[in-house]
Amino acid sequence: MTQYDSELSRIIEMAWEDRTPFEAIAQQFNLNEADVIRLMRNHLKPKSFRLWRSRVNGRKTKHLHLRSSDVQRAYCSRQYKPR
């Protein structure tokens, strides 16, 4: 896997995560929300893209300015637990 493939995979993963805001993707990969949407459209199957768009459209946790101050983590509390 090349570095490009690895970064692409991570961007797609972050875009699918409910609690990862677009601003975090912008900070890490220098891609704004429109760039992420374009990337997802180009790399997902059409049905997967539509599902993703309906999932993130208006989701408060995907935008820092809409996010409640109660949300302190960028991931679910059940995620990344040691095994």
PDB file of N, CA and C in Angstrom:
ATOM      1  N   MET A   1       0.862  -1.180   0.000  1.00  0.00           N
ATOM      2  CA  MET A   1       0.000   0.000   0.000  1.00  0.00           C
ATOM      3  C   MET A   1       0.901   1.233   0.000  1.00  0.00           C
ATOM      4  N   THR A   2       0.635   2.150  -0.884  1.00  0.00           N
ATOM      5  CA  THR A   2       1.427   3.372  -0.964  1.00  0.00           C
ATOM      6  C   THR A   2       0.967   4.368   0.092  1.00  0.00           C
ATOM      7  N   GLN A   3       1.755   5.405   0.301  1.00  0.00           N
ATOM      8  CA  GLN A   3       1.376   6.438   1.258  1.00  0.00           C
ATOM      9  C   GLN A   3       0.079   7.120   0.818  1.00  0.00           C
ATOM     10  N   TYR A   4      -0.076   7.326  -0.499  1.00  0.00           N
ATOM     11  CA  TYR A   4      -1.316   7.929  -1.016  1.00  0.00           C
ATOM     12  C   TYR A   4      -2.512   7.067  -0.661  1.00  0.00           C
ATOM     13  N   ASP A   5      -2.397   5.743  -0.885  1.00  0.00           N
ATOM     14  CA  ASP A   5      -3.500   4.835  -0.564  1.00  0.00           C
ATOM     15  C   ASP A   5      -3.798   4.854   0.928  1.00  0.00           C
ATOM     16  N   SER A   6      -2.759   4.908   1.723  1.00  0.00           N
ATOM     17  CA  SER A   6      -2.924   4.935   3.171  1.00  0.00           C
ATOM     18  C   SER A   6      -3.629   6.218   3.614  1.00  0.00           C
ATOM     19  N   GLU A   7      -3.214   7.362   3.062  1.00  0.00           N
ATOM     20  CA  GLU A   7      -3.860   8.634   3.405  1.00  0.00           C
ATOM     21  C   GLU A   7      -5.301   8.673   2.914  1.00  0.00           C
ATOM     22  N   LEU A   8      -5.531   8.183   1.710  1.00  0.00           N
ATOM     23  CA  LEU A   8      -6.880   8.139   1.156  1.00  0.00           C
ATOM     24  C   LEU A   8      -7.787   7.293   2.045  1.00  0.00           C
ATOM     25  N   SER A   9      -7.303   6.156   2.456  1.00  0.00           N
ATOM     26  CA  SER A   9      -8.063   5.268   3.326  1.00  0.00           C
ATOM     27  C   SER A   9      -8.388   5.955   4.650  1.00  0.00           C
ATOM     28  N   ARG A  10      -7.413   6.664   5.217  1.00  0.00           N
ATOM     29  CA  ARG A  10      -7.627   7.351   6.496  1.00  0.00           C
ATOM     30  C   ARG A  10      -8.625   8.500   6.341  1.00  0.00           C
ATOM     31  N   ILE A  11      -8.563   9.240   5.247  1.00  0.00           N
ATOM     32  CA  ILE A  11      -9.511  10.333   5.015  1.00  0.00           C
ATOM     33  C   ILE A  11     -10.930   9.776   4.919  1.00  0.00           C
ATOM     34  N   ILE A  12     -11.099   8.703   4.166  1.00  0.00           N
ATOM     35  CA  ILE A  12     -12.427   8.088   4.023  1.00  0.00           C
ATOM     36  C   ILE A  12     -12.920   7.585   5.376  1.00  0.00           C
ATOM     37  N   GLU A  13     -12.036   6.970   6.144  1.00  0.00           N
ATOM     38  CA  GLU A  13     -12.410   6.489   7.471  1.00  0.00           C
ATOM     39  C   GLU A  13     -12.841   7.651   8.365  1.00  0.00           C
ATOM     40  N   MET A  14     -12.079   8.734   8.360  1.00  0.00           N
ATOM     41  CA  MET A  14     -12.426   9.904   9.180  1.00  0.00           C
ATOM     42  C   MET A  14     -13.744  10.525   8.728  1.00  0.00           C
ATOM     43  N   ALA A  15     -13.978  10.542   7.421  1.00  0.00           N
ATOM     44  CA  ALA A  15     -15.225  11.109   6.900  1.00  0.00           C
ATOM     45  C   ALA A  15     -16.431  10.282   7.347  1.00  0.00           C
ATOM     46  N   TRP A  16     -16.281   8.973   7.450  1.00  0.00           N
ATOM     47  CA  TRP A  16     -17.383   8.109   7.868  1.00  0.00           C
ATOM     48  C   TRP A  16     -17.637   8.203   9.377  1.00  0.00           C
ATOM     49  N   GLU A  17     -16.599   8.522  10.154  1.00  0.00           N
ATOM     50  CA  GLU A  17     -16.760   8.584  11.609  1.00  0.00           C
ATOM     51  C   GLU A  17     -17.680   9.739  11.986  1.00  0.00           C
ATOM     52  N   ASP A  18     -18.671   9.458  12.797  1.00  0.00           N
ATOM     53  CA  ASP A  18     -19.655  10.474  13.169  1.00  0.00           C
ATOM     54  C   ASP A  18     -19.046  11.628  13.950  1.00  0.00           C
ATOM     55  N   ARG A  19     -18.114  11.338  14.821  1.00  0.00           N
ATOM     56  CA  ARG A  19     -17.592  12.368  15.718  1.00  0.00           C
ATOM     57  C   ARG A  19     -16.371  13.098  15.181  1.00  0.00           C
ATOM     58  N   THR A  20     -15.862  12.709  14.032  1.00  0.00           N
ATOM     59  CA  THR A  20     -14.706  13.399  13.463  1.00  0.00           C
ATOM     60  C   THR A  20     -15.192  14.559  12.615  1.00  0.00           C
ATOM     61  N   PRO A  21     -14.928  15.790  13.053  1.00  0.00           N
ATOM     62  CA  PRO A  21     -15.412  16.950  12.297  1.00  0.00           C
ATOM     63  C   PRO A  21     -14.602  17.172  11.018  1.00  0.00           C
ATOM     64  N   PHE A  22     -15.231  17.825  10.062  1.00  0.00           N
ATOM     65  CA  PHE A  22     -14.534  18.155   8.820  1.00  0.00           C
ATOM     66  C   PHE A  22     -13.304  19.014   9.100  1.00  0.00           C
ATOM     67  N   GLU A  23     -13.353  19.808  10.153  1.00  0.00           N
ATOM     68  CA  GLU A  23     -12.217  20.658  10.500  1.00  0.00           C
ATOM     69  C   GLU A  23     -10.986  19.834  10.869  1.00  0.00           C
ATOM     70  N   ALA A  24     -11.186  18.660  11.476  1.00  0.00           N
ATOM     71  CA  ALA A  24     -10.056  17.786  11.805  1.00  0.00           C
ATOM     72  C   ALA A  24      -9.416  17.236  10.537  1.00  0.00           C
ATOM     73  N   ILE A  25     -10.240  16.906   9.546  1.00  0.00           N
ATOM     74  CA  ILE A  25      -9.718  16.429   8.260  1.00  0.00           C
ATOM     75  C   ILE A  25      -8.967  17.561   7.571  1.00  0.00           C
ATOM     76  N   ALA A  26      -9.510  18.768   7.648  1.00  0.00           N
ATOM     77  CA  ALA A  26      -8.856  19.937   7.035  1.00  0.00           C
ATOM     78  C   ALA A  26      -7.506  20.199   7.678  1.00  0.00           C
ATOM     79  N   GLN A  27      -7.446  20.097   8.987  1.00  0.00           N
ATOM     80  CA  GLN A  27      -6.208  20.357   9.709  1.00  0.00           C
ATOM     81  C   GLN A  27      -5.146  19.307   9.376  1.00  0.00           C
ATOM     82  N   GLN A  28      -5.545  18.056   9.318  1.00  0.00           N
ATOM     83  CA  GLN A  28      -4.583  16.973   9.108  1.00  0.00           C
ATOM     84  C   GLN A  28      -4.203  16.799   7.640  1.00  0.00           C
ATOM     85  N   PHE A  29      -5.158  16.987   6.716  1.00  0.00           N
ATOM     86  CA  PHE A  29      -4.909  16.680   5.308  1.00  0.00           C
ATOM     87  C   PHE A  29      -5.075  17.878   4.377  1.00  0.00           C
ATOM     88  N   ASN A  30      -5.378  19.038   4.928  1.00  0.00           N
ATOM     89  CA  ASN A  30      -5.538  20.256   4.136  1.00  0.00           C
ATOM     90  C   ASN A  30      -6.640  20.121   3.079  1.00  0.00           C
ATOM     91  N   LEU A  31      -7.751  19.472   3.463  1.00  0.00           N
ATOM     92  CA  LEU A  31      -8.914  19.311   2.594  1.00  0.00           C
ATOM     93  C   LEU A  31     -10.115  19.933   3.291  1.00  0.00           C
ATOM     94  N   ASN A  32     -10.780  20.878   2.627  1.00  0.00           N
ATOM     95  CA  ASN A  32     -11.980  21.449   3.229  1.00  0.00           C
ATOM     96  C   ASN A  32     -13.168  20.503   2.994  1.00  0.00           C
ATOM     97  N   GLU A  33     -14.322  20.874   3.504  1.00  0.00           N
ATOM     98  CA  GLU A  33     -15.504  20.006   3.397  1.00  0.00           C
ATOM     99  C   GLU A  33     -15.841  19.687   1.946  1.00  0.00           C
ATOM    100  N   ALA A  34     -15.790  20.680   1.070  1.00  0.00           N
ATOM    101  CA  ALA A  34     -16.095  20.450  -0.358  1.00  0.00           C
ATOM    102  C   ALA A  34     -15.099  19.478  -0.979  1.00  0.00           C
ATOM    103  N   ASP A  35     -13.832  19.566  -0.585  1.00  0.00           N
ATOM    104  CA  ASP A  35     -12.816  18.630  -1.088  1.00  0.00           C
ATOM    105  C   ASP A  35     -13.106  17.205  -0.623  1.00  0.00           C
ATOM    106  N   VAL A  36     -13.519  17.073   0.640  1.00  0.00           N
ATOM    107  CA  VAL A  36     -13.836  15.743   1.180  1.00  0.00           C
ATOM    108  C   VAL A  36     -15.044  15.164   0.445  1.00  0.00           C
ATOM    109  N   ILE A  37     -16.051  15.974   0.207  1.00  0.00           N
ATOM    110  CA  ILE A  37     -17.243  15.514  -0.525  1.00  0.00           C
ATOM    111  C   ILE A  37     -16.843  15.040  -1.918  1.00  0.00           C
ATOM    112  N   ARG A  38     -16.011  15.819  -2.590  1.00  0.00           N
ATOM    113  CA  ARG A  38     -15.546  15.458  -3.934  1.00  0.00           C
ATOM    114  C   ARG A  38     -14.753  14.147  -3.897  1.00  0.00           C
ATOM    115  N   LEU A  39     -13.864  14.021  -2.915  1.00  0.00           N
ATOM    116  CA  LEU A  39     -13.071  12.798  -2.770  1.00  0.00           C
ATOM    117  C   LEU A  39     -13.982  11.593  -2.537  1.00  0.00           C
ATOM    118  N   MET A  40     -14.961  11.749  -1.652  1.00  0.00           N
ATOM    119  CA  MET A  40     -15.882  10.646  -1.356  1.00  0.00           C
ATOM    120  C   MET A  40     -16.696  10.287  -2.601  1.00  0.00           C
ATOM    121  N   ARG A  41     -17.145  11.272  -3.349  1.00  0.00           N
ATOM    122  CA  ARG A  41     -17.909  11.010  -4.574  1.00  0.00           C
ATOM    123  C   ARG A  41     -17.063  10.210  -5.577  1.00  0.00           C
ATOM    124  N   ASN A  42     -15.781  10.535  -5.661  1.00  0.00           N
ATOM    125  CA  ASN A  42     -14.908   9.887  -6.630  1.00  0.00           C
ATOM    126  C   ASN A  42     -14.413   8.509  -6.208  1.00  0.00           C
ATOM    127  N   HIS A  43     -14.442   8.212  -4.906  1.00  0.00           N
ATOM    128  CA  HIS A  43     -13.854   6.955  -4.442  1.00  0.00           C
ATOM    129  C   HIS A  43     -14.843   5.968  -3.835  1.00  0.00           C
ATOM    130  N   LEU A  44     -16.079   6.366  -3.687  1.00  0.00           N
ATOM    131  CA  LEU A  44     -17.100   5.441  -3.184  1.00  0.00           C
ATOM    132  C   LEU A  44     -18.027   5.041  -4.322  1.00  0.00           C
ATOM    133  N   LYS A  45     -18.679   3.910  -4.152  1.00  0.00           N
ATOM    134  CA  LYS A  45     -19.729   3.523  -5.090  1.00  0.00           C
ATOM    135  C   LYS A  45     -20.860   4.543  -4.951  1.00  0.00           C
ATOM    136  N   PRO A  46     -21.620   4.776  -6.018  1.00  0.00           N
ATOM    137  CA  PRO A  46     -22.694   5.783  -5.950  1.00  0.00           C
ATOM    138  C   PRO A  46     -23.652   5.587  -4.773  1.00  0.00           C
ATOM    139  N   LYS A  47     -24.066   4.372  -4.516  1.00  0.00           N
ATOM    140  CA  LYS A  47     -24.998   4.124  -3.416  1.00  0.00           C
ATOM    141  C   LYS A  47     -24.334   4.414  -2.064  1.00  0.00           C
ATOM    142  N   SER A  48     -23.060   4.046  -1.929  1.00  0.00           N
ATOM    143  CA  SER A  48     -22.333   4.323  -0.689  1.00  0.00           C
ATOM    144  C   SER A  48     -22.176   5.825  -0.480  1.00  0.00           C
ATOM    145  N   PHE A  49     -21.900   6.540  -1.566  1.00  0.00           N
ATOM    146  CA  PHE A  49     -21.770   7.993  -1.458  1.00  0.00           C
ATOM    147  C   PHE A  49     -23.084   8.614  -1.009  1.00  0.00           C
ATOM    148  N   ARG A  50     -24.197   8.213  -1.593  1.00  0.00           N
ATOM    149  CA  ARG A  50     -25.506   8.762  -1.207  1.00  0.00           C
ATOM    150  C   ARG A  50     -25.807   8.449   0.255  1.00  0.00           C
ATOM    151  N   LEU A  51     -25.478   7.246   0.696  1.00  0.00           N
ATOM    152  CA  LEU A  51     -25.679   6.866   2.097  1.00  0.00           C
ATOM    153  C   LEU A  51     -24.837   7.746   3.014  1.00  0.00           C
ATOM    154  N   TRP A  52     -23.569   7.941   2.649  1.00  0.00           N
ATOM    155  CA  TRP A  52     -22.681   8.788   3.450  1.00  0.00           C
ATOM    156  C   TRP A  52     -23.197  10.222   3.507  1.00  0.00           C
ATOM    157  N   ARG A  53     -23.600  10.780   2.351  1.00  0.00           N
ATOM    158  CA  ARG A  53     -24.089  12.161   2.310  1.00  0.00           C
ATOM    159  C   ARG A  53     -25.332  12.330   3.178  1.00  0.00           C
ATOM    160  N   SER A  54     -26.244  11.377   3.113  1.00  0.00           N
ATOM    161  CA  SER A  54     -27.444  11.501   3.936  1.00  0.00           C
ATOM    162  C   SER A  54     -27.089  11.358   5.418  1.00  0.00           C
ATOM    163  N   ARG A  55     -26.059  10.588   5.704  1.00  0.00           N
ATOM    164  CA  ARG A  55     -25.636  10.390   7.090  1.00  0.00           C
ATOM    165  C   ARG A  55     -24.998  11.652   7.675  1.00  0.00           C
ATOM    166  N   VAL A  56     -24.132  12.325   6.915  1.00  0.00           N
ATOM    167  CA  VAL A  56     -23.405  13.474   7.462  1.00  0.00           C
ATOM    168  C   VAL A  56     -24.111  14.807   7.233  1.00  0.00           C
ATOM    169  N   ASN A  57     -25.089  14.845   6.350  1.00  0.00           N
ATOM    170  CA  ASN A  57     -25.774  16.094   6.047  1.00  0.00           C
ATOM    171  C   ASN A  57     -26.484  16.625   7.287  1.00  0.00           C
ATOM    172  N   GLY A  58     -26.019  17.749   7.791  1.00  0.00           N
ATOM    173  CA  GLY A  58     -26.634  18.361   8.959  1.00  0.00           C
ATOM    174  C   GLY A  58     -26.246  17.739  10.284  1.00  0.00           C
ATOM    175  N   ARG A  59     -25.363  16.758  10.284  1.00  0.00           N
ATOM    176  CA  ARG A  59     -24.945  16.120  11.534  1.00  0.00           C
ATOM    177  C   ARG A  59     -24.098  17.108  12.334  1.00  0.00           C
ATOM    178  N   LYS A  60     -24.535  17.405  13.521  1.00  0.00           N
ATOM    179  CA  LYS A  60     -23.879  18.429  14.325  1.00  0.00           C
ATOM    180  C   LYS A  60     -22.452  18.059  14.702  1.00  0.00           C
ATOM    181  N   THR A  61     -22.166  16.790  14.861  1.00  0.00           N
ATOM    182  CA  THR A  61     -20.822  16.397  15.276  1.00  0.00           C
ATOM    183  C   THR A  61     -19.802  16.487  14.153  1.00  0.00           C
ATOM    184  N   LYS A  62     -20.239  16.690  12.909  1.00  0.00           N
ATOM    185  CA  LYS A  62     -19.310  16.801  11.793  1.00  0.00           C
ATOM    186  C   LYS A  62     -18.826  18.233  11.585  1.00  0.00           C
ATOM    187  N   HIS A  63     -19.360  19.187  12.338  1.00  0.00           N
ATOM    188  CA  HIS A  63     -18.976  20.591  12.216  1.00  0.00           C
ATOM    189  C   HIS A  63     -18.717  21.150  13.609  1.00  0.00           C
ATOM    190  N   LEU A  64     -17.522  21.644  13.848  1.00  0.00           N
ATOM    191  CA  LEU A  64     -17.183  22.139  15.188  1.00  0.00           C
ATOM    192  C   LEU A  64     -18.103  23.260  15.651  1.00  0.00           C
ATOM    193  N   HIS A  65     -18.500  24.156  14.754  1.00  0.00           N
ATOM    194  CA  HIS A  65     -19.341  25.278  15.173  1.00  0.00           C
ATOM    195  C   HIS A  65     -20.768  24.849  15.532  1.00  0.00           C
ATOM    196  N   LEU A  66     -21.191  23.658  15.116  1.00  0.00           N
ATOM    197  CA  LEU A  66     -22.522  23.143  15.472  1.00  0.00           C
ATOM    198  C   LEU A  66     -22.460  22.180  16.654  1.00  0.00           C
ATOM    199  N   ARG A  67     -21.273  21.735  16.985  1.00  0.00           N
ATOM    200  CA  ARG A  67     -21.074  20.705  17.993  1.00  0.00           C
ATOM    201  C   ARG A  67     -21.344  21.240  19.396  1.00  0.00           C
ATOM    202  N   SER A  68     -21.982  20.416  20.185  1.00  0.00           N
ATOM    203  CA  SER A  68     -22.233  20.758  21.579  1.00  0.00           C
ATOM    204  C   SER A  68     -20.906  20.780  22.337  1.00  0.00           C
ATOM    205  N   SER A  69     -20.806  21.631  23.320  1.00  0.00           N
ATOM    206  CA  SER A  69     -19.584  21.676  24.126  1.00  0.00           C
ATOM    207  C   SER A  69     -19.425  20.424  24.973  1.00  0.00           C
ATOM    208  N   ASP A  70     -20.473  19.610  25.075  1.00  0.00           N
ATOM    209  CA  ASP A  70     -20.404  18.346  25.812  1.00  0.00           C
ATOM    210  C   ASP A  70     -19.544  17.311  25.088  1.00  0.00           C
ATOM    211  N   VAL A  71     -19.397  17.440  23.778  1.00  0.00           N
ATOM    212  CA  VAL A  71     -18.623  16.481  22.995  1.00  0.00           C
ATOM    213  C   VAL A  71     -17.152  16.867  23.105  1.00  0.00           C
ATOM    214  N   GLN A  72     -16.400  16.055  23.806  1.00  0.00           N
ATOM    215  CA  GLN A  72     -14.985  16.342  24.037  1.00  0.00           C
ATOM    216  C   GLN A  72     -14.068  15.466  23.198  1.00  0.00           C
ATOM    217  N   ARG A  73     -14.575  14.330  22.728  1.00  0.00           N
ATOM    218  CA  ARG A  73     -13.749  13.377  21.981  1.00  0.00           C
ATOM    219  C   ARG A  73     -14.117  13.403  20.509  1.00  0.00           C
ATOM    220  N   ALA A  74     -13.178  12.967  19.685  1.00  0.00           N
ATOM    221  CA  ALA A  74     -13.435  12.849  18.249  1.00  0.00           C
ATOM    222  C   ALA A  74     -13.815  11.421  17.888  1.00  0.00           C
ATOM    223  N   TYR A  75     -14.050  10.590  18.893  1.00  0.00           N
ATOM    224  CA  TYR A  75     -14.428   9.211  18.631  1.00  0.00           C
ATOM    225  C   TYR A  75     -15.358   8.726  19.732  1.00  0.00           C
ATOM    226  N   CYS A  76     -16.045   7.656  19.454  1.00  0.00           N
ATOM    227  CA  CYS A  76     -16.995   7.071  20.406  1.00  0.00           C
ATOM    228  C   CYS A  76     -16.237   6.494  21.605  1.00  0.00           C
ATOM    229  N   SER A  77     -16.830   6.537  22.775  1.00  0.00           N
ATOM    230  CA  SER A  77     -16.173   6.019  23.984  1.00  0.00           C
ATOM    231  C   SER A  77     -15.907   4.523  23.896  1.00  0.00           C
ATOM    232  N   ARG A  78     -16.646   3.807  23.025  1.00  0.00           N
ATOM    233  CA  ARG A  78     -16.450   2.371  22.878  1.00  0.00           C
ATOM    234  C   ARG A  78     -15.395   2.035  21.811  1.00  0.00           C
ATOM    235  N   GLN A  79     -14.860   3.069  21.181  1.00  0.00           N
ATOM    236  CA  GLN A  79     -13.882   2.883  20.111  1.00  0.00           C
ATOM    237  C   GLN A  79     -12.472   2.937  20.693  1.00  0.00           C
ATOM    238  N   TYR A  80     -11.544   2.240  20.081  1.00  0.00           N
ATOM    239  CA  TYR A  80     -10.124   2.260  20.463  1.00  0.00           C
ATOM    240  C   TYR A  80      -9.857   1.761  21.871  1.00  0.00           C
ATOM    241  N   LYS A  81     -10.621   0.782  22.337  1.00  0.00           N
ATOM    242  CA  LYS A  81     -10.373   0.188  23.644  1.00  0.00           C
ATOM    243  C   LYS A  81      -9.296  -0.882  23.485  1.00  0.00           C
ATOM    244  N   PRO A  82      -8.411  -0.990  24.481  1.00  0.00           N
ATOM    245  CA  PRO A  82      -7.389  -2.067  24.412  1.00  0.00           C
ATOM    246  C   PRO A  82      -8.064  -3.422  24.496  1.00  0.00           C
ATOM    247  N   ARG A  83      -7.504  -4.355  23.802  1.00  0.00           N
ATOM    248  CA  ARG A  83      -8.106  -5.706  23.795  1.00  0.00           C
ATOM    249  C   ARG A  83      -7.460  -6.597  24.787  1.00  0.00           C
TER     250      ARG A  83
END
